[in-house]
Amino acid sequence: MLTIVLIDDDPISTFVTEKLISKNVKEPCQFYKYQSAKAALNEIYKIKPNYLFLDLNMPEMTGWDFLDTFDTAQNDAQIYILSSSVDERDINKASKYQVVKDYLSKPLIKKYIKSIFN
C-alpha cells in the first residue's frame, strides 16, 4: 500500500488531489491530510510516507519552512511541491532542494500522476 501525505491549508485542493490520485493509481493508497505543515512535521517520521505533496503558501509554517526543517535522513519520501504559484523564483528555489522531485502547479492533473506513480 502506498502512503501519501498531503500538506495544504486548502481543504478543497486536498480533496481534489486525493480523489485524482485514488482514481488514477492502481495500487491502494492511504492518505494523511494536514492543513498545517507544523502538524505534519510532528507525525511525518512515524507515518513514513512514500509520497508527499506540499503546498508552499500556508500560515504559521510555509512549505519552505517545512523543507528547511524536514530531516531527509529519517524519511525517504518523494516530495513534490504542489503550488498555485507560477513565480519563476519559487520554481528556481524548489530546484535547489535535493529532496524535491518536482514542482507542480495546481491543480494536479492526470499527466502528472502518471509520471509520478509509474
N, C-alpha and C. Protein backbone atom coordinates (compact mmCIF):
# COMPACT_ATOMS: atom_id res chain seq x y z
N MET A 1 0.84 -1.19 0.00
CA MET A 1 0.00 0.00 0.00
C MET A 1 0.88 1.25 0.00
N LEU A 2 0.51 2.20 -0.84
CA LEU A 2 1.24 3.47 -0.89
C LEU A 2 0.74 4.39 0.22
N THR A 3 1.66 5.05 0.87
CA THR A 3 1.30 6.02 1.90
C THR A 3 1.62 7.41 1.33
N ILE A 4 0.58 8.25 1.34
CA ILE A 4 0.70 9.57 0.73
C ILE A 4 0.29 10.65 1.73
N VAL A 5 1.15 11.65 1.89
CA VAL A 5 0.85 12.77 2.77
C VAL A 5 0.56 14.00 1.91
N LEU A 6 -0.56 14.66 2.21
CA LEU A 6 -0.94 15.89 1.53
C LEU A 6 -0.90 17.02 2.56
N ILE A 7 -0.07 18.03 2.30
CA ILE A 7 0.04 19.17 3.22
C ILE A 7 -0.39 20.41 2.46
N ASP A 8 -1.56 20.91 2.82
CA ASP A 8 -2.13 22.08 2.13
C ASP A 8 -3.21 22.67 3.03
N ASP A 9 -3.19 23.99 3.18
CA ASP A 9 -4.19 24.63 4.04
C ASP A 9 -5.54 24.80 3.34
N ASP A 10 -5.63 24.40 2.08
CA ASP A 10 -6.89 24.49 1.34
C ASP A 10 -7.53 23.09 1.24
N PRO A 11 -8.60 22.85 2.03
CA PRO A 11 -9.21 21.52 2.04
C PRO A 11 -9.78 21.09 0.68
N ILE A 12 -10.20 22.03 -0.13
CA ILE A 12 -10.75 21.69 -1.46
C ILE A 12 -9.63 21.16 -2.35
N SER A 13 -8.50 21.82 -2.31
CA SER A 13 -7.34 21.37 -3.09
C SER A 13 -6.91 19.97 -2.66
N THR A 14 -6.88 19.74 -1.37
CA THR A 14 -6.52 18.43 -0.83
C THR A 14 -7.51 17.36 -1.27
N PHE A 15 -8.79 17.70 -1.22
CA PHE A 15 -9.84 16.77 -1.63
C PHE A 15 -9.67 16.39 -3.10
N VAL A 16 -9.46 17.38 -3.96
CA VAL A 16 -9.29 17.15 -5.40
C VAL A 16 -8.05 16.29 -5.67
N THR A 17 -6.96 16.61 -5.00
CA THR A 17 -5.71 15.84 -5.17
C THR A 17 -5.91 14.39 -4.77
N GLU A 18 -6.54 14.17 -3.61
CA GLU A 18 -6.77 12.81 -3.13
C GLU A 18 -7.64 12.02 -4.10
N LYS A 19 -8.71 12.63 -4.57
CA LYS A 19 -9.63 11.93 -5.49
C LYS A 19 -8.92 11.58 -6.80
N LEU A 20 -8.16 12.51 -7.34
CA LEU A 20 -7.45 12.29 -8.59
C LEU A 20 -6.42 11.16 -8.47
N ILE A 21 -5.68 11.15 -7.39
CA ILE A 21 -4.69 10.09 -7.17
C ILE A 21 -5.41 8.75 -7.01
N SER A 22 -6.45 8.73 -6.18
CA SER A 22 -7.20 7.48 -5.94
C SER A 22 -7.75 6.88 -7.23
N LYS A 23 -8.25 7.73 -8.10
CA LYS A 23 -8.85 7.26 -9.36
C LYS A 23 -7.81 6.78 -10.37
N ASN A 24 -6.61 7.32 -10.31
CA ASN A 24 -5.63 7.08 -11.38
C ASN A 24 -4.42 6.23 -10.98
N VAL A 25 -4.36 5.82 -9.73
CA VAL A 25 -3.26 4.96 -9.28
C VAL A 25 -3.86 3.60 -8.97
N LYS A 26 -3.29 2.57 -9.58
CA LYS A 26 -3.85 1.22 -9.43
C LYS A 26 -3.63 0.64 -8.03
N GLU A 27 -2.51 0.98 -7.43
CA GLU A 27 -2.18 0.46 -6.11
C GLU A 27 -3.04 1.13 -5.04
N PRO A 28 -3.44 0.39 -3.99
CA PRO A 28 -4.21 1.03 -2.92
C PRO A 28 -3.37 2.10 -2.21
N CYS A 29 -4.03 3.19 -1.82
CA CYS A 29 -3.34 4.31 -1.20
C CYS A 29 -3.96 4.64 0.15
N GLN A 30 -3.10 5.00 1.09
CA GLN A 30 -3.56 5.52 2.37
C GLN A 30 -3.11 6.97 2.42
N PHE A 31 -4.07 7.86 2.70
CA PHE A 31 -3.78 9.29 2.71
C PHE A 31 -3.75 9.85 4.13
N TYR A 32 -2.81 10.73 4.35
CA TYR A 32 -2.76 11.52 5.57
C TYR A 32 -2.82 12.97 5.12
N LYS A 33 -3.80 13.71 5.63
CA LYS A 33 -4.00 15.08 5.17
C LYS A 33 -3.77 16.07 6.32
N TYR A 34 -3.01 17.10 6.02
CA TYR A 34 -2.70 18.11 7.03
C TYR A 34 -2.96 19.49 6.45
N GLN A 35 -3.62 20.34 7.25
CA GLN A 35 -3.80 21.73 6.85
C GLN A 35 -2.67 22.59 7.42
N SER A 36 -1.81 21.97 8.22
CA SER A 36 -0.70 22.67 8.84
C SER A 36 0.60 21.88 8.63
N ALA A 37 1.60 22.56 8.10
CA ALA A 37 2.90 21.91 7.88
C ALA A 37 3.53 21.55 9.22
N LYS A 38 3.29 22.38 10.24
CA LYS A 38 3.83 22.12 11.57
C LYS A 38 3.27 20.82 12.15
N ALA A 39 1.96 20.64 12.00
CA ALA A 39 1.32 19.41 12.49
C ALA A 39 1.85 18.19 11.74
N ALA A 40 2.04 18.33 10.44
CA ALA A 40 2.55 17.22 9.62
C ALA A 40 3.96 16.84 10.07
N LEU A 41 4.76 17.84 10.36
CA LEU A 41 6.14 17.61 10.77
C LEU A 41 6.21 16.78 12.06
N ASN A 42 5.23 16.97 12.94
CA ASN A 42 5.19 16.23 14.20
C ASN A 42 4.93 14.74 14.01
N GLU A 43 4.29 14.37 12.90
CA GLU A 43 3.89 12.97 12.69
C GLU A 43 4.56 12.29 11.50
N ILE A 44 5.24 13.06 10.68
CA ILE A 44 5.75 12.56 9.41
C ILE A 44 6.71 11.38 9.55
N TYR A 45 7.53 11.40 10.59
CA TYR A 45 8.54 10.34 10.73
C TYR A 45 7.92 9.02 11.18
N LYS A 46 6.75 9.10 11.85
CA LYS A 46 6.03 7.87 12.23
C LYS A 46 5.30 7.30 11.02
N ILE A 47 4.79 8.17 10.17
CA ILE A 47 3.99 7.75 9.00
C ILE A 47 4.88 7.11 7.92
N LYS A 48 6.07 7.66 7.74
CA LYS A 48 7.00 7.20 6.70
C LYS A 48 6.32 7.10 5.32
N PRO A 49 5.87 8.25 4.79
CA PRO A 49 5.17 8.22 3.51
C PRO A 49 6.08 7.88 2.33
N ASN A 50 5.46 7.30 1.29
CA ASN A 50 6.17 7.08 0.04
C ASN A 50 6.22 8.39 -0.76
N TYR A 51 5.12 9.14 -0.67
CA TYR A 51 4.98 10.39 -1.42
C TYR A 51 4.46 11.49 -0.50
N LEU A 52 4.92 12.71 -0.77
CA LEU A 52 4.47 13.86 0.00
C LEU A 52 4.21 15.01 -0.98
N PHE A 53 3.03 15.55 -0.92
CA PHE A 53 2.66 16.70 -1.76
C PHE A 53 2.54 17.91 -0.84
N LEU A 54 3.29 18.96 -1.16
CA LEU A 54 3.46 20.09 -0.26
C LEU A 54 3.08 21.41 -0.92
N ASP A 55 2.17 22.12 -0.27
CA ASP A 55 1.83 23.48 -0.70
C ASP A 55 2.89 24.42 -0.13
N LEU A 56 3.10 25.55 -0.76
CA LEU A 56 4.12 26.49 -0.28
C LEU A 56 3.55 27.56 0.63
N ASN A 57 2.45 28.17 0.20
CA ASN A 57 1.90 29.32 0.92
C ASN A 57 0.86 28.89 1.94
N MET A 58 1.32 28.78 3.19
CA MET A 58 0.43 28.40 4.28
C MET A 58 0.75 29.27 5.49
N PRO A 59 -0.25 29.49 6.35
CA PRO A 59 0.01 30.28 7.56
C PRO A 59 0.85 29.47 8.56
N GLU A 60 1.42 30.14 9.50
CA GLU A 60 2.21 29.56 10.58
C GLU A 60 3.55 28.99 10.11
N MET A 61 3.52 27.99 9.22
CA MET A 61 4.74 27.40 8.69
C MET A 61 4.56 27.19 7.19
N THR A 62 5.41 27.82 6.39
CA THR A 62 5.29 27.69 4.93
C THR A 62 5.89 26.36 4.47
N GLY A 63 5.66 26.04 3.22
CA GLY A 63 6.27 24.85 2.64
C GLY A 63 7.79 24.95 2.66
N TRP A 64 8.32 26.16 2.47
CA TRP A 64 9.78 26.37 2.52
C TRP A 64 10.30 26.04 3.93
N ASP A 65 9.58 26.54 4.96
CA ASP A 65 9.98 26.27 6.35
C ASP A 65 9.96 24.76 6.61
N PHE A 66 8.95 24.10 6.08
CA PHE A 66 8.83 22.65 6.24
C PHE A 66 10.07 21.96 5.64
N LEU A 67 10.42 22.34 4.41
CA LEU A 67 11.57 21.73 3.73
C LEU A 67 12.88 21.99 4.48
N ASP A 68 12.99 23.18 5.07
CA ASP A 68 14.21 23.53 5.82
C ASP A 68 14.32 22.72 7.12
N THR A 69 13.19 22.30 7.65
CA THR A 69 13.17 21.58 8.93
C THR A 69 13.16 20.07 8.73
N PHE A 70 12.63 19.62 7.61
CA PHE A 70 12.45 18.20 7.32
C PHE A 70 13.79 17.46 7.31
N ASP A 71 13.87 16.36 8.04
CA ASP A 71 15.10 15.58 8.13
C ASP A 71 15.05 14.41 7.15
N THR A 72 15.76 14.55 6.04
CA THR A 72 15.74 13.52 4.99
C THR A 72 16.37 12.22 5.46
N ALA A 73 17.23 12.27 6.48
CA ALA A 73 17.86 11.06 6.98
C ALA A 73 16.83 10.14 7.65
N GLN A 74 15.74 10.73 8.14
CA GLN A 74 14.70 9.94 8.82
C GLN A 74 13.56 9.54 7.91
N ASN A 75 13.57 10.02 6.67
CA ASN A 75 12.45 9.75 5.79
C ASN A 75 12.89 9.86 4.33
N ASP A 76 12.49 8.90 3.51
CA ASP A 76 12.89 8.95 2.10
C ASP A 76 11.70 9.17 1.17
N ALA A 77 10.72 9.92 1.64
CA ALA A 77 9.55 10.22 0.83
C ALA A 77 9.95 10.99 -0.43
N GLN A 78 9.23 10.73 -1.51
CA GLN A 78 9.40 11.54 -2.71
C GLN A 78 8.53 12.78 -2.51
N ILE A 79 9.16 13.94 -2.49
CA ILE A 79 8.44 15.18 -2.21
C ILE A 79 8.18 15.96 -3.49
N TYR A 80 6.93 16.33 -3.67
CA TYR A 80 6.51 17.15 -4.80
C TYR A 80 5.88 18.42 -4.26
N ILE A 81 6.33 19.55 -4.76
CA ILE A 81 5.68 20.80 -4.40
C ILE A 81 4.48 20.95 -5.32
N LEU A 82 3.34 21.21 -4.71
CA LEU A 82 2.09 21.40 -5.45
C LEU A 82 1.59 22.79 -5.08
N SER A 83 1.79 23.74 -5.97
CA SER A 83 1.52 25.13 -5.63
C SER A 83 0.75 25.85 -6.72
N SER A 84 0.01 26.86 -6.31
CA SER A 84 -0.70 27.69 -7.29
C SER A 84 0.22 28.80 -7.81
N SER A 85 1.40 28.93 -7.20
CA SER A 85 2.35 29.95 -7.63
C SER A 85 3.09 29.49 -8.89
N VAL A 86 3.10 30.36 -9.88
CA VAL A 86 3.88 30.07 -11.09
C VAL A 86 5.07 31.03 -11.18
N ASP A 87 5.41 31.61 -10.03
CA ASP A 87 6.54 32.54 -9.93
C ASP A 87 7.84 31.79 -10.20
N GLU A 88 8.58 32.27 -11.16
CA GLU A 88 9.85 31.68 -11.57
C GLU A 88 10.81 31.54 -10.38
N ARG A 89 10.77 32.50 -9.46
CA ARG A 89 11.66 32.45 -8.29
C ARG A 89 11.34 31.24 -7.40
N ASP A 90 10.05 30.92 -7.25
CA ASP A 90 9.65 29.74 -6.47
C ASP A 90 10.13 28.46 -7.15
N ILE A 91 9.95 28.40 -8.45
CA ILE A 91 10.35 27.21 -9.22
C ILE A 91 11.87 27.01 -9.11
N ASN A 92 12.63 28.10 -9.24
CA ASN A 92 14.09 28.02 -9.12
C ASN A 92 14.53 27.63 -7.72
N LYS A 93 13.85 28.22 -6.72
CA LYS A 93 14.18 27.91 -5.32
C LYS A 93 13.92 26.42 -5.04
N ALA A 94 12.82 25.89 -5.55
CA ALA A 94 12.47 24.48 -5.34
C ALA A 94 13.53 23.56 -5.91
N SER A 95 14.11 23.95 -7.04
CA SER A 95 15.11 23.10 -7.69
C SER A 95 16.41 23.02 -6.87
N LYS A 96 16.58 23.93 -5.93
CA LYS A 96 17.78 23.92 -5.08
C LYS A 96 17.66 22.89 -3.94
N TYR A 97 16.46 22.41 -3.70
CA TYR A 97 16.26 21.38 -2.67
C TYR A 97 16.41 20.01 -3.32
N GLN A 98 17.43 19.26 -2.92
CA GLN A 98 17.66 17.94 -3.49
C GLN A 98 16.48 17.00 -3.26
N VAL A 99 15.81 17.16 -2.13
CA VAL A 99 14.73 16.26 -1.75
C VAL A 99 13.46 16.48 -2.60
N VAL A 100 13.33 17.63 -3.23
CA VAL A 100 12.15 17.94 -4.04
C VAL A 100 12.29 17.32 -5.43
N LYS A 101 11.39 16.41 -5.75
CA LYS A 101 11.43 15.70 -7.04
C LYS A 101 10.96 16.60 -8.18
N ASP A 102 9.92 17.40 -7.91
CA ASP A 102 9.38 18.24 -8.98
C ASP A 102 8.51 19.33 -8.39
N TYR A 103 8.32 20.38 -9.18
CA TYR A 103 7.46 21.50 -8.83
C TYR A 103 6.25 21.43 -9.76
N LEU A 104 5.09 21.19 -9.20
CA LEU A 104 3.87 21.04 -10.00
C LEU A 104 2.90 22.16 -9.69
N SER A 105 2.20 22.62 -10.71
CA SER A 105 1.22 23.67 -10.45
C SER A 105 -0.16 23.05 -10.22
N LYS A 106 -0.90 23.69 -9.32
CA LYS A 106 -2.26 23.23 -9.01
C LYS A 106 -3.17 23.57 -10.17
N PRO A 107 -4.20 22.81 -10.37
CA PRO A 107 -4.49 21.53 -9.72
C PRO A 107 -3.65 20.41 -10.33
N LEU A 108 -3.49 19.35 -9.56
CA LEU A 108 -2.78 18.17 -10.04
C LEU A 108 -3.56 17.61 -11.22
N ILE A 109 -2.87 17.21 -12.27
CA ILE A 109 -3.57 16.66 -13.44
C ILE A 109 -3.10 15.23 -13.70
N LYS A 110 -3.89 14.51 -14.49
CA LYS A 110 -3.65 13.10 -14.79
C LYS A 110 -2.24 12.85 -15.31
N LYS A 111 -1.77 13.73 -16.18
CA LYS A 111 -0.44 13.59 -16.79
C LYS A 111 0.64 13.55 -15.70
N TYR A 112 0.54 14.44 -14.69
CA TYR A 112 1.49 14.47 -13.59
C TYR A 112 1.42 13.17 -12.81
N ILE A 113 0.22 12.70 -12.54
CA ILE A 113 0.02 11.49 -11.76
C ILE A 113 0.68 10.29 -12.44
N LYS A 114 0.48 10.19 -13.74
CA LYS A 114 1.08 9.09 -14.50
C LYS A 114 2.61 9.12 -14.39
N SER A 115 3.20 10.30 -14.50
CA SER A 115 4.67 10.38 -14.45
C SER A 115 5.19 10.13 -13.02
N ILE A 116 4.45 10.50 -12.01
CA ILE A 116 4.88 10.31 -10.62
C ILE A 116 4.79 8.85 -10.20
N PHE A 117 3.68 8.21 -10.52
CA PHE A 117 3.40 6.89 -9.98
C PHE A 117 3.75 5.72 -10.92
N ASN A 118 4.36 6.02 -12.07
CA ASN A 118 4.75 4.93 -12.97
C ASN A 118 6.23 4.65 -12.93
